[in-house]
């Protein structure tokens, strides 16, 4: 800076106005170039920082989704024998009630095993949307798929899980004696029909819930395969 200042003073002192103006323009150009270079370096640093954050976000999401996937598979594994038990109860309950209550009790137990519903791990996703960082990421296709999974598919799963839990609670309370003792109360045909209706009401929700769980696995697998 002292060097440039000395040049300016020399030019002014010699009254070389044209050269001074040329020098001034050149100095301005150098300043502008310096500012542009500084801005470019800053932009590069910001882009690099954002790329690292995006990689960390995707890695966190994938870690959460792997755990989600394992639990979804567990929920489906628990639900599928119940679906088969319902099909037998729907076809054979009145006959088995009259002829083979021991076999009926076993099928009933298969249906009334503990119910599991899925609740996602959403720490990485919530962290990204809390500061609106997710909208700054460059891989728009992946971020759109992630937002759809959490805000649409998972939201639908949670709504259906709530309905399923409510129907399960009603069913298990109403038939707590059979679950607790493994013995059947005396039921007339109307009560047997009512039992089937109650189980069917729960089963329909369960079947729909399992279908959504399987759809979510497809979305999760697609995201886990992304680079």
C-alpha atoms as a PDB file:
ATOM      1  CA  UNK A   1       0.000   0.000   0.000  1.00  0.00           C
ATOM      2  CA  UNK A   2       2.884   2.396   0.743  1.00  0.00           C
ATOM      3  CA  UNK A   3       4.353   1.560  -2.660  1.00  0.00           C
ATOM      4  CA  UNK A   4       1.111   2.418  -4.485  1.00  0.00           C
ATOM      5  CA  UNK A   5       0.643   5.565  -2.407  1.00  0.00           C
ATOM      6  CA  UNK A   6       4.136   6.763  -3.370  1.00  0.00           C
ATOM      7  CA  UNK A   7       3.322   6.258  -7.050  1.00  0.00           C
ATOM      8  CA  UNK A   8       0.158   8.334  -6.713  1.00  0.00           C
ATOM      9  CA  UNK A   9       1.992  11.154  -4.949  1.00  0.00           C
ATOM     10  CA  UNK A  10       4.752  11.168  -7.605  1.00  0.00           C
ATOM     11  CA  UNK A  11       2.236  11.354 -10.435  1.00  0.00           C
ATOM     12  CA  UNK A  12       0.268  14.144  -8.772  1.00  0.00           C
ATOM     13  CA  UNK A  13       3.458  16.002  -7.943  1.00  0.00           C
ATOM     14  CA  UNK A  14       4.567  15.868 -11.561  1.00  0.00           C
ATOM     15  CA  UNK A  15       1.121  16.967 -12.710  1.00  0.00           C
ATOM     16  CA  UNK A  16       0.840  13.911 -14.939  1.00  0.00           C
ATOM     17  CA  UNK A  17      -2.950  13.847 -14.771  1.00  0.00           C
ATOM     18  CA  UNK A  18      -3.529  11.390 -17.604  1.00  0.00           C
ATOM     19  CA  UNK A  19      -1.123   8.870 -16.169  1.00  0.00           C
ATOM     20  CA  UNK A  20      -2.637   9.384 -12.732  1.00  0.00           C
ATOM     21  CA  UNK A  21      -6.146   8.695 -14.015  1.00  0.00           C
ATOM     22  CA  UNK A  22      -4.918   5.594 -15.811  1.00  0.00           C
ATOM     23  CA  UNK A  23      -3.193   4.456 -12.663  1.00  0.00           C
ATOM     24  CA  UNK A  24      -6.348   5.137 -10.594  1.00  0.00           C
ATOM     25  CA  UNK A  25      -8.451   3.099 -12.976  1.00  0.00           C
ATOM     26  CA  UNK A  26      -5.913   0.309 -12.823  1.00  0.00           C
ATOM     27  CA  UNK A  27      -5.936   0.391  -9.048  1.00  0.00           C
ATOM     28  CA  UNK A  28      -9.740   0.231  -9.024  1.00  0.00           C
ATOM     29  CA  UNK A  29      -9.612  -2.743 -11.381  1.00  0.00           C
ATOM     30  CA  UNK A  30      -7.147  -4.492  -9.069  1.00  0.00           C
ATOM     31  CA  UNK A  31      -9.405  -3.805  -6.073  1.00  0.00           C
ATOM     32  CA  UNK A  32     -12.447  -5.185  -7.943  1.00  0.00           C
ATOM     33  CA  UNK A  33     -10.500  -8.264  -9.020  1.00  0.00           C
ATOM     34  CA  UNK A  34      -9.398  -8.776  -5.418  1.00  0.00           C
ATOM     35  CA  UNK A  35     -12.984  -8.507  -4.202  1.00  0.00           C
ATOM     36  CA  UNK A  36     -14.203 -10.955  -6.858  1.00  0.00           C
ATOM     37  CA  UNK A  37     -11.483 -13.430  -5.955  1.00  0.00           C
ATOM     38  CA  UNK A  38     -12.371 -13.115  -2.262  1.00  0.00           C
ATOM     39  CA  UNK A  39     -16.057 -13.656  -3.062  1.00  0.00           C
ATOM     40  CA  UNK A  40     -15.231 -16.680  -5.209  1.00  0.00           C
ATOM     41  CA  UNK A  41     -13.108 -18.192  -2.443  1.00  0.00           C
ATOM     42  CA  UNK A  42     -15.893 -17.533   0.059  1.00  0.00           C
ATOM     43  CA  UNK A  43     -18.463 -19.119  -2.275  1.00  0.00           C
ATOM     44  CA  UNK A  44     -16.190 -22.110  -2.765  1.00  0.00           C
ATOM     45  CA  UNK A  45     -15.768 -22.508   0.976  1.00  0.00           C
ATOM     46  CA  UNK A  46     -19.530 -22.238   1.518  1.00  0.00           C
ATOM     47  CA  UNK A  47     -20.220 -24.777  -1.233  1.00  0.00           C
ATOM     48  CA  UNK A  48     -17.649 -27.140   0.257  1.00  0.00           C
ATOM     49  CA  UNK A  49     -19.133 -26.713   3.722  1.00  0.00           C
ATOM     50  CA  UNK A  50     -22.647 -27.317   2.395  1.00  0.00           C
ATOM     51  CA  UNK A  51     -21.499 -30.412   0.474  1.00  0.00           C
ATOM     52  CA  UNK A  52     -20.034 -31.841   3.692  1.00  0.00           C
ATOM     53  CA  UNK A  53     -23.260 -31.055   5.573  1.00  0.00           C
ATOM     54  CA  UNK A  54     -25.294 -32.706   2.808  1.00  0.00           C
ATOM     55  CA  UNK A  55     -23.139 -35.832   2.945  1.00  0.00           C
ATOM     56  CA  UNK A  56     -23.545 -35.972   6.722  1.00  0.00           C
ATOM     57  CA  UNK A  57     -27.315 -35.499   6.354  1.00  0.00           C
ATOM     58  CA  UNK A  58     -27.614 -38.344   3.821  1.00  0.00           C
ATOM     59  CA  UNK A  59     -25.444 -40.589   6.011  1.00  0.00           C
ATOM     60  CA  UNK A  60     -27.636 -39.792   9.039  1.00  0.00           C
ATOM     61  CA  UNK A  61     -30.834 -40.417   7.085  1.00  0.00           C
ATOM     62  CA  UNK A  62     -29.529 -43.760   5.820  1.00  0.00           C
ATOM     63  CA  UNK A  63     -28.572 -44.814   9.331  1.00  0.00           C
ATOM     64  CA  UNK A  64     -32.083 -43.937  10.566  1.00  0.00           C
ATOM     65  CA  UNK A  65     -33.704 -45.724   7.608  1.00  0.00           C
ATOM     66  CA  UNK A  66     -31.747 -48.919   8.209  1.00  0.00           C
ATOM     67  CA  UNK A  67     -33.115 -49.023  11.748  1.00  0.00           C
ATOM     68  CA  UNK A  68     -36.600 -48.160  10.469  1.00  0.00           C
ATOM     69  CA  UNK A  69     -36.367 -50.960   7.929  1.00  0.00           C
ATOM     70  CA  UNK A  70     -35.418 -53.542  10.543  1.00  0.00           C
ATOM     71  CA  UNK A  71     -38.334 -52.543  12.750  1.00  0.00           C
ATOM     72  CA  UNK A  72     -40.831 -52.473   9.868  1.00  0.00           C
ATOM     73  CA  UNK A  73     -39.804 -56.009   8.947  1.00  0.00           C
ATOM     74  CA  UNK A  74     -40.344 -57.036  12.582  1.00  0.00           C
ATOM     75  CA  UNK A  75     -43.835 -55.503  12.618  1.00  0.00           C
ATOM     76  CA  UNK A  76     -44.722 -57.305   9.363  1.00  0.00           C
ATOM     77  CA  UNK A  77     -43.288 -60.571  10.694  1.00  0.00           C
ATOM     78  CA  UNK A  78     -45.503 -60.324  13.774  1.00  0.00           C
ATOM     79  CA  UNK A  79     -48.571 -59.349  11.735  1.00  0.00           C
ATOM     80  CA  UNK A  80     -48.462 -62.012   9.048  1.00  0.00           C
ATOM     81  CA  UNK A  81     -49.327 -65.022  11.294  1.00  0.00           C
ATOM     82  CA  UNK A  82     -52.254 -62.972  12.610  1.00  0.00           C
ATOM     83  CA  UNK A  83     -53.497 -62.503   9.057  1.00  0.00           C
ATOM     84  CA  UNK A  84     -53.392 -66.262   8.485  1.00  0.00           C
ATOM     85  CA  UNK A  85     -55.143 -66.838  11.825  1.00  0.00           C
ATOM     86  CA  UNK A  86     -57.936 -64.475  10.810  1.00  0.00           C
ATOM     87  CA  UNK A  87     -58.529 -66.380   7.574  1.00  0.00           C
ATOM     88  CA  UNK A  88     -58.992 -69.607   9.547  1.00  0.00           C
ATOM     89  CA  UNK A  89     -61.205 -67.950  12.146  1.00  0.00           C
ATOM     90  CA  UNK A  90     -63.354 -66.399   9.440  1.00  0.00           C
ATOM     91  CA  UNK A  91     -63.866 -69.781   7.778  1.00  0.00           C
ATOM     92  CA  UNK A  92     -63.886 -72.189  10.714  1.00  0.00           C
ATOM     93  CA  UNK A  93     -64.791 -70.392  13.956  1.00  0.00           C
ATOM     94  CA  UNK A  94     -68.441 -71.529  14.292  1.00  0.00           C
ATOM     95  CA  UNK A  95     -67.561 -75.144  13.442  1.00  0.00           C
ATOM     96  CA  UNK A  96     -64.464 -75.276  15.663  1.00  0.00           C
ATOM     97  CA  UNK A  97     -66.387 -73.690  18.526  1.00  0.00           C
ATOM     98  CA  UNK A  98     -68.749 -76.676  18.442  1.00  0.00           C
ATOM     99  CA  UNK A  99     -66.283 -79.453  17.578  1.00  0.00           C
ATOM    100  CA  UNK A 100     -62.698 -78.546  18.562  1.00  0.00           C
ATOM    101  CA  UNK A 101     -62.300 -75.718  21.037  1.00  0.00           C
ATOM    102  CA  UNK A 102     -58.703 -76.644  21.723  1.00  0.00           C
ATOM    103  CA  UNK A 103     -57.769 -76.005  18.080  1.00  0.00           C
ATOM    104  CA  UNK A 104     -59.875 -72.831  18.153  1.00  0.00           C
ATOM    105  CA  UNK A 105     -58.020 -71.612  21.220  1.00  0.00           C
ATOM    106  CA  UNK A 106     -54.668 -72.057  19.490  1.00  0.00           C
ATOM    107  CA  UNK A 107     -55.814 -70.082  16.443  1.00  0.00           C
ATOM    108  CA  UNK A 108     -57.250 -67.441  18.749  1.00  0.00           C
ATOM    109  CA  UNK A 109     -53.906 -67.157  20.550  1.00  0.00           C
ATOM    110  CA  UNK A 110     -52.120 -66.754  17.209  1.00  0.00           C
ATOM    111  CA  UNK A 111     -54.369 -63.820  16.437  1.00  0.00           C
ATOM    112  CA  UNK A 112     -54.073 -62.245  19.859  1.00  0.00           C
ATOM    113  CA  UNK A 113     -50.284 -62.154  20.083  1.00  0.00           C
ATOM    114  CA  UNK A 114     -48.858 -58.782  21.090  1.00  0.00           C
ATOM    115  CA  UNK A 115     -49.347 -56.105  18.480  1.00  0.00           C
ATOM    116  CA  UNK A 116     -46.495 -53.885  17.299  1.00  0.00           C
ATOM    117  CA  UNK A 117     -46.856 -50.636  15.400  1.00  0.00           C
ATOM    118  CA  UNK A 118     -44.113 -48.653  13.705  1.00  0.00           C
ATOM    119  CA  UNK A 119     -42.851 -45.237  14.775  1.00  0.00           C
ATOM    120  CA  UNK A 120     -39.979 -43.854  12.661  1.00  0.00           C
ATOM    121  CA  UNK A 121     -36.632 -42.512  13.809  1.00  0.00           C
ATOM    122  CA  UNK A 122     -36.644 -38.942  12.529  1.00  0.00           C
ATOM    123  CA  UNK A 123     -33.741 -37.167  14.275  1.00  0.00           C
ATOM    124  CA  UNK A 124     -31.685 -36.496  11.117  1.00  0.00           C
ATOM    125  CA  UNK A 125     -34.731 -35.367   9.145  1.00  0.00           C
ATOM    126  CA  UNK A 126     -36.035 -33.077  11.878  1.00  0.00           C
ATOM    127  CA  UNK A 127     -32.588 -31.525  12.288  1.00  0.00           C
ATOM    128  CA  UNK A 128     -32.417 -30.726   8.574  1.00  0.00           C
ATOM    129  CA  UNK A 129     -35.879 -29.181   8.327  1.00  0.00           C
ATOM    130  CA  UNK A 130     -35.663 -27.214  11.578  1.00  0.00           C
ATOM    131  CA  UNK A 131     -33.185 -24.780  10.013  1.00  0.00           C
ATOM    132  CA  UNK A 132     -34.555 -25.215   6.477  1.00  0.00           C
ATOM    133  CA  UNK A 133     -31.179 -26.682   5.510  1.00  0.00           C
ATOM    134  CA  UNK A 134     -32.776 -29.457   3.483  1.00  0.00           C
ATOM    135  CA  UNK A 135     -33.933 -26.976   0.820  1.00  0.00           C
ATOM    136  CA  UNK A 136     -30.322 -25.853   0.247  1.00  0.00           C
ATOM    137  CA  UNK A 137     -29.016 -29.301  -0.647  1.00  0.00           C
ATOM    138  CA  UNK A 138     -28.015 -29.868  -4.269  1.00  0.00           C
ATOM    139  CA  UNK A 139     -29.402 -33.375  -4.790  1.00  0.00           C
ATOM    140  CA  UNK A 140     -33.018 -32.329  -5.253  1.00  0.00           C
ATOM    141  CA  UNK A 141     -34.262 -35.747  -6.381  1.00  0.00           C
ATOM    142  CA  UNK A 142     -33.026 -37.392  -3.190  1.00  0.00           C
ATOM    143  CA  UNK A 143     -34.266 -34.624  -0.889  1.00  0.00           C
ATOM    144  CA  UNK A 144     -37.705 -34.724  -2.540  1.00  0.00           C
ATOM    145  CA  UNK A 145     -37.843 -38.497  -2.018  1.00  0.00           C
ATOM    146  CA  UNK A 146     -36.826 -38.078   1.637  1.00  0.00           C
ATOM    147  CA  UNK A 147     -39.438 -35.367   2.226  1.00  0.00           C
ATOM    148  CA  UNK A 148     -42.121 -37.556   0.601  1.00  0.00           C
ATOM    149  CA  UNK A 149     -41.169 -40.522   2.778  1.00  0.00           C
ATOM    150  CA  UNK A 150     -41.293 -38.601   6.062  1.00  0.00           C
ATOM    151  CA  UNK A 151     -44.109 -36.148   5.351  1.00  0.00           C
ATOM    152  CA  UNK A 152     -46.399 -38.421   3.328  1.00  0.00           C
ATOM    153  CA  UNK A 153     -45.692 -42.144   3.659  1.00  0.00           C
ATOM    154  CA  UNK A 154     -44.610 -42.054   7.299  1.00  0.00           C
ATOM    155  CA  UNK A 155     -47.413 -39.636   8.195  1.00  0.00           C
ATOM    156  CA  UNK A 156     -49.938 -42.035   6.679  1.00  0.00           C
ATOM    157  CA  UNK A 157     -48.366 -44.922   8.590  1.00  0.00           C
ATOM    158  CA  UNK A 158     -48.648 -43.040  11.874  1.00  0.00           C
ATOM    159  CA  UNK A 159     -52.317 -42.213  11.243  1.00  0.00           C
ATOM    160  CA  UNK A 160     -53.094 -45.840  10.455  1.00  0.00           C
ATOM    161  CA  UNK A 161     -51.056 -47.070  13.427  1.00  0.00           C
ATOM    162  CA  UNK A 162     -53.181 -44.898  15.695  1.00  0.00           C
ATOM    163  CA  UNK A 163     -56.385 -46.378  14.279  1.00  0.00           C
ATOM    164  CA  UNK A 164     -54.984 -49.897  14.503  1.00  0.00           C
ATOM    165  CA  UNK A 165     -53.930 -49.447  18.134  1.00  0.00           C
ATOM    166  CA  UNK A 166     -57.385 -48.134  19.012  1.00  0.00           C
ATOM    167  CA  UNK A 167     -59.105 -51.140  17.424  1.00  0.00           C
ATOM    168  CA  UNK A 168     -56.632 -53.489  19.064  1.00  0.00           C
ATOM    169  CA  UNK A 169     -57.275 -51.930  22.455  1.00  0.00           C
ATOM    170  CA  UNK A 170     -61.032 -52.386  22.065  1.00  0.00           C
ATOM    171  CA  UNK A 171     -60.629 -55.993  20.915  1.00  0.00           C
ATOM    172  CA  UNK A 172     -58.245 -57.054  23.671  1.00  0.00           C
ATOM    173  CA  UNK A 173     -60.362 -55.465  26.398  1.00  0.00           C
ATOM    174  CA  UNK A 174     -63.563 -57.039  25.171  1.00  0.00           C
ATOM    175  CA  UNK A 175     -62.054 -60.526  24.956  1.00  0.00           C
ATOM    176  CA  UNK A 176     -59.606 -60.274  27.833  1.00  0.00           C
ATOM    177  CA  UNK A 177     -61.140 -63.345  29.536  1.00  0.00           C
ATOM    178  CA  UNK A 178     -60.347 -65.606  26.596  1.00  0.00           C
ATOM    179  CA  UNK A 179     -56.843 -64.143  26.295  1.00  0.00           C
ATOM    180  CA  UNK A 180     -56.135 -64.473  30.009  1.00  0.00           C
ATOM    181  CA  UNK A 181     -57.550 -67.944  30.659  1.00  0.00           C
ATOM    182  CA  UNK A 182     -57.444 -69.609  27.253  1.00  0.00           C
ATOM    183  CA  UNK A 183     -60.994 -70.768  27.899  1.00  0.00           C
ATOM    184  CA  UNK A 184     -64.149 -69.902  26.048  1.00  0.00           C
ATOM    185  CA  UNK A 185     -67.295 -68.554  27.511  1.00  0.00           C
ATOM    186  CA  UNK A 186     -70.526 -70.024  26.257  1.00  0.00           C
ATOM    187  CA  UNK A 187     -71.432 -68.121  23.106  1.00  0.00           C
ATOM    188  CA  UNK A 188     -74.632 -68.310  21.127  1.00  0.00           C
ATOM    189  CA  UNK A 189     -74.576 -67.939  17.298  1.00  0.00           C
ATOM    190  CA  UNK A 190     -75.213 -64.178  17.522  1.00  0.00           C
ATOM    191  CA  UNK A 191     -72.272 -63.743  19.910  1.00  0.00           C
ATOM    192  CA  UNK A 192     -70.016 -65.836  17.674  1.00  0.00           C
ATOM    193  CA  UNK A 193     -70.999 -63.612  14.756  1.00  0.00           C
ATOM    194  CA  UNK A 194     -70.285 -60.540  16.878  1.00  0.00           C
ATOM    195  CA  UNK A 195     -66.833 -61.934  17.748  1.00  0.00           C
ATOM    196  CA  UNK A 196     -66.068 -62.410  14.058  1.00  0.00           C
ATOM    197  CA  UNK A 197     -67.274 -58.883  13.315  1.00  0.00           C
ATOM    198  CA  UNK A 198     -65.022 -57.458  16.022  1.00  0.00           C
ATOM    199  CA  UNK A 199     -61.986 -59.366  14.769  1.00  0.00           C
ATOM    200  CA  UNK A 200     -62.790 -58.426  11.170  1.00  0.00           C
ATOM    201  CA  UNK A 201     -62.974 -54.744  12.126  1.00  0.00           C
ATOM    202  CA  UNK A 202     -59.426 -54.963  13.475  1.00  0.00           C
ATOM    203  CA  UNK A 203     -58.177 -57.221  10.694  1.00  0.00           C
ATOM    204  CA  UNK A 204     -59.220 -54.877   7.874  1.00  0.00           C
ATOM    205  CA  UNK A 205     -57.187 -52.070   9.450  1.00  0.00           C
ATOM    206  CA  UNK A 206     -54.264 -54.451  10.038  1.00  0.00           C
ATOM    207  CA  UNK A 207     -54.254 -55.635   6.421  1.00  0.00           C
ATOM    208  CA  UNK A 208     -54.237 -52.056   5.134  1.00  0.00           C
ATOM    209  CA  UNK A 209     -51.486 -51.118   7.594  1.00  0.00           C
ATOM    210  CA  UNK A 210     -49.239 -53.987   6.473  1.00  0.00           C
ATOM    211  CA  UNK A 211     -49.725 -52.952   2.836  1.00  0.00           C
ATOM    212  CA  UNK A 212     -48.507 -49.421   3.642  1.00  0.00           C
ATOM    213  CA  UNK A 213     -45.564 -50.848   5.584  1.00  0.00           C
ATOM    214  CA  UNK A 214     -44.532 -52.847   2.526  1.00  0.00           C
ATOM    215  CA  UNK A 215     -44.851 -49.767   0.304  1.00  0.00           C
ATOM    216  CA  UNK A 216     -42.618 -47.841   2.693  1.00  0.00           C
ATOM    217  CA  UNK A 217     -39.966 -50.572   2.430  1.00  0.00           C
ATOM    218  CA  UNK A 218     -39.818 -49.964  -1.324  1.00  0.00           C
ATOM    219  CA  UNK A 219     -39.189 -46.241  -0.755  1.00  0.00           C
ATOM    220  CA  UNK A 220     -36.619 -46.933   1.953  1.00  0.00           C
ATOM    221  CA  UNK A 221     -34.715 -49.404  -0.236  1.00  0.00           C
ATOM    222  CA  UNK A 222     -34.612 -46.888  -3.103  1.00  0.00           C
ATOM    223  CA  UNK A 223     -33.110 -44.250  -0.796  1.00  0.00           C
ATOM    224  CA  UNK A 224     -30.587 -46.654   0.691  1.00  0.00           C
ATOM    225  CA  UNK A 225     -29.318 -47.444  -2.805  1.00  0.00           C
ATOM    226  CA  UNK A 226     -28.643 -43.770  -3.576  1.00  0.00           C
ATOM    227  CA  UNK A 227     -24.996 -42.706  -3.683  1.00  0.00           C
END
